[in-house]
C-alpha atoms as a PDB file:
ATOM      1  CA  MET A   1      -7.376  -5.488 -11.973  1.00  0.00           C
ATOM      2  CA  TYR A   2      -3.831  -3.626 -11.322  1.00  0.00           C
ATOM      3  CA  ASN A   3      -1.934  -3.503 -15.106  1.00  0.00           C
ATOM      4  CA  VAL A   4       1.235  -2.317 -13.833  1.00  0.00           C
ATOM      5  CA  ILE A   5       4.156  -1.729 -16.458  1.00  0.00           C
ATOM      6  CA  THR A   6       7.722  -2.678 -15.816  1.00  0.00           C
ATOM      7  CA  VAL A   7      11.124  -0.924 -17.319  1.00  0.00           C
ATOM      8  CA  ASN A   8      14.162  -3.935 -16.700  1.00  0.00           C
ATOM      9  CA  PRO A   9      16.674  -3.407 -18.270  1.00  0.00           C
ATOM     10  CA  GLN A  10      17.935  -7.165 -17.258  1.00  0.00           C
ATOM     11  CA  PRO A  11      17.041 -10.283 -18.756  1.00  0.00           C
ATOM     12  CA  HIS A  12      13.419 -11.318 -17.354  1.00  0.00           C
ATOM     13  CA  THR A  13      11.202 -13.470 -17.471  1.00  0.00           C
ATOM     14  CA  ASN A  14       7.196 -13.184 -16.584  1.00  0.00           C
ATOM     15  CA  GLY A  15       6.121 -16.611 -17.562  1.00  0.00           C
ATOM     16  CA  THR A  16       5.878 -16.718 -20.735  1.00  0.00           C
ATOM     17  CA  SER A  17       7.365 -13.908 -22.682  1.00  0.00           C
ATOM     18  CA  THR A  18      11.373 -13.639 -21.464  1.00  0.00           C
ATOM     19  CA  THR A  19      12.327 -10.209 -22.283  1.00  0.00           C
ATOM     20  CA  LYS A  20      15.351  -7.526 -22.482  1.00  0.00           C
ATOM     21  CA  GLY A  21      15.043  -4.238 -22.376  1.00  0.00           C
ATOM     22  CA  ILE A  22      11.472  -3.386 -22.453  1.00  0.00           C
ATOM     23  CA  SER A  23       7.816  -2.572 -20.644  1.00  0.00           C
ATOM     24  CA  LEU A  24       6.716  -6.009 -19.137  1.00  0.00           C
ATOM     25  CA  ARG A  25       2.884  -6.469 -18.719  1.00  0.00           C
ATOM     26  CA  THR A  26       1.889  -6.851 -14.747  1.00  0.00           C
ATOM     27  CA  THR A  27      -1.216  -8.289 -13.320  1.00  0.00           C
ATOM     28  CA  ILE A  28      -2.022  -6.859  -9.920  1.00  0.00           C
ATOM     29  CA  GLY A  29      -5.692  -8.336  -8.170  1.00  0.00           C
ATOM     30  CA  PRO A  30      -8.000  -5.776  -6.526  1.00  0.00           C
ATOM     31  CA  ARG A  31      -7.861  -8.355  -3.594  1.00  0.00           C
ATOM     32  CA  GLU A  32      -3.542  -8.612  -3.772  1.00  0.00           C
ATOM     33  CA  VAL A  33      -3.923  -4.493  -2.509  1.00  0.00           C
ATOM     34  CA  GLU A  34      -6.962  -5.779  -0.626  1.00  0.00           C
ATOM     35  CA  GLU A  35      -4.034  -8.119   1.491  1.00  0.00           C
ATOM     36  CA  ILE A  36      -1.914  -5.286   1.531  1.00  0.00           C
ATOM     37  CA  LEU A  37      -4.248  -2.562   3.183  1.00  0.00           C
ATOM     38  CA  GLU A  38      -5.195  -4.621   5.586  1.00  0.00           C
ATOM     39  CA  GLY A  39      -2.610  -5.681   6.702  1.00  0.00           C
ATOM     40  CA  ASP A  40      -0.182  -3.900   8.253  1.00  0.00           C
ATOM     41  CA  PRO A  41       2.307  -2.470   5.051  1.00  0.00           C
ATOM     42  CA  ILE A  42       3.907   0.187   5.890  1.00  0.00           C
ATOM     43  CA  ARG A  43       4.660   3.298   5.280  1.00  0.00           C
ATOM     44  CA  ILE A  44       6.499   5.233   2.524  1.00  0.00           C
ATOM     45  CA  SER A  45       5.521   8.434   1.870  1.00  0.00           C
ATOM     46  CA  SER A  46       2.041  10.458   1.412  1.00  0.00           C
ATOM     47  CA  ARG A  47       1.924  13.975  -0.926  1.00  0.00           C
ATOM     48  CA  ILE A  48       0.050  16.203  -2.570  1.00  0.00           C
ATOM     49  CA  ASP A  49      -0.843  14.740  -6.274  1.00  0.00           C
ATOM     50  CA  ASP A  50       0.082  17.674  -8.016  1.00  0.00           C
ATOM     51  CA  VAL A  51      -2.894  17.262 -11.029  1.00  0.00           C
ATOM     52  CA  SER A  52      -6.043  16.164  -8.156  1.00  0.00           C
ATOM     53  CA  GLY A  53      -4.440  17.750  -5.183  1.00  0.00           C
ATOM     54  CA  GLU A  54      -5.598  14.207  -3.161  1.00  0.00           C
ATOM     55  CA  GLU A  55      -2.742  12.838  -0.943  1.00  0.00           C
ATOM     56  CA  ARG A  56      -1.251  10.077  -2.261  1.00  0.00           C
ATOM     57  CA  VAL A  57      -0.033   8.120   0.170  1.00  0.00           C
ATOM     58  CA  LEU A  58       1.928   5.069  -0.714  1.00  0.00           C
ATOM     59  CA  GLU A  59       3.291   1.668   1.213  1.00  0.00           C
ATOM     60  CA  LEU A  60       4.882  -1.833   0.900  1.00  0.00           C
ATOM     61  CA  GLY A  61       3.818  -5.170   1.932  1.00  0.00           C
ATOM     62  CA  HIS A  62       3.440  -9.026   0.983  1.00  0.00           C
ATOM     63  CA  THR A  63       0.169 -10.657  -0.247  1.00  0.00           C
ATOM     64  CA  SER A  64       0.034 -14.144   1.233  1.00  0.00           C
ATOM     65  CA  ALA A  65       1.254 -15.609  -2.185  1.00  0.00           C
ATOM     66  CA  GLY A  66       4.131 -14.509  -0.711  1.00  0.00           C
ATOM     67  CA  ARG A  67       4.957 -11.103  -3.280  1.00  0.00           C
ATOM     68  CA  VAL A  68       5.883  -7.495  -2.237  1.00  0.00           C
ATOM     69  CA  LEU A  69       3.743  -4.945  -3.252  1.00  0.00           C
ATOM     70  CA  PHE A  70       4.204  -1.332  -3.218  1.00  0.00           C
ATOM     71  CA  VAL A  71       0.515   0.029  -3.681  1.00  0.00           C
ATOM     72  CA  VAL A  72      -0.765   3.358  -3.787  1.00  0.00           C
ATOM     73  CA  TRP A  73      -3.213   4.983  -2.291  1.00  0.00           C
ATOM     74  CA  THR A  74      -6.075   7.595  -1.953  1.00  0.00           C
ATOM     75  CA  PRO A  75      -7.984   8.783   1.497  1.00  0.00           C
ATOM     76  CA  ARG A  76     -11.807   9.353   0.301  1.00  0.00           C
ATOM     77  CA  GLY A  77     -13.559  10.551   4.046  1.00  0.00           C
ATOM     78  CA  GLU A  78     -14.480   6.601   5.609  1.00  0.00           C
ATOM     79  CA  LEU A  79     -12.883   4.863   2.589  1.00  0.00           C
ATOM     80  CA  THR A  80      -9.612   3.512   1.438  1.00  0.00           C
ATOM     81  CA  ARG A  81      -9.044   4.439  -2.616  1.00  0.00           C
ATOM     82  CA  PRO A  82      -6.062   2.153  -4.632  1.00  0.00           C
ATOM     83  CA  VAL A  83      -5.142   4.808  -7.317  1.00  0.00           C
ATOM     84  CA  THR A  84      -1.967   1.670  -8.635  1.00  0.00           C
ATOM     85  CA  ALA A  85      -0.069  -1.328  -7.586  1.00  0.00           C
ATOM     86  CA  PHE A  86       3.150  -2.673  -8.823  1.00  0.00           C
ATOM     87  CA  GLU A  87       5.559  -5.472  -7.519  1.00  0.00           C
ATOM     88  CA  ALA A  88       8.850  -4.706  -5.160  1.00  0.00           C
ATOM     89  CA  ASN A  89      12.416  -4.860  -7.852  1.00  0.00           C
ATOM     90  CA  ARG A  90      14.555  -7.754  -6.431  1.00  0.00           C
ATOM     91  CA  ARG A  91      16.265  -5.484  -3.883  1.00  0.00           C
ATOM     92  CA  VAL A  92      13.519  -3.767  -2.465  1.00  0.00           C
ATOM     93  CA  ARG A  93      11.908  -7.176  -1.643  1.00  0.00           C
ATOM     94  CA  ALA A  94      15.419  -9.482  -0.109  1.00  0.00           C
ATOM     95  CA  LYS A  95      15.208  -5.980   2.276  1.00  0.00           C
ATOM     96  CA  TYR A  96      11.576  -6.642   3.531  1.00  0.00           C
ATOM     97  CA  ARG A  97      12.651  -9.914   3.622  1.00  0.00           C
ATOM     98  CA  ARG A  98      15.402  -9.266   5.857  1.00  0.00           C
ATOM     99  CA  GLU A  99      13.154  -6.796   8.236  1.00  0.00           C
ATOM    100  CA  ARG A 100       9.656  -8.266   8.333  1.00  0.00           C
ATOM    101  CA  PRO A 101      10.216 -12.196   7.544  1.00  0.00           C
END
């Protein structure tokens, strides 16, 4: 599982609590990350990490359940190693769905 902390200045319900202006923990499962990487994600950027020296690739895609997620990964030879994943905000989700139905 990938536990991602997001900060949201607006009231937000995550299914168990409503908060305003504090961090929320969202769980993104390994299968969801695999769906993004195995699908047809949009490559947003690629850069070399200052600390590790590894390439970090940021991609945006959607799961079969319709979640729009960003996934950061690094190549390891023939393998792809996910680094982190997080949900796209409402504006990015709306734009993604307009351009990629």
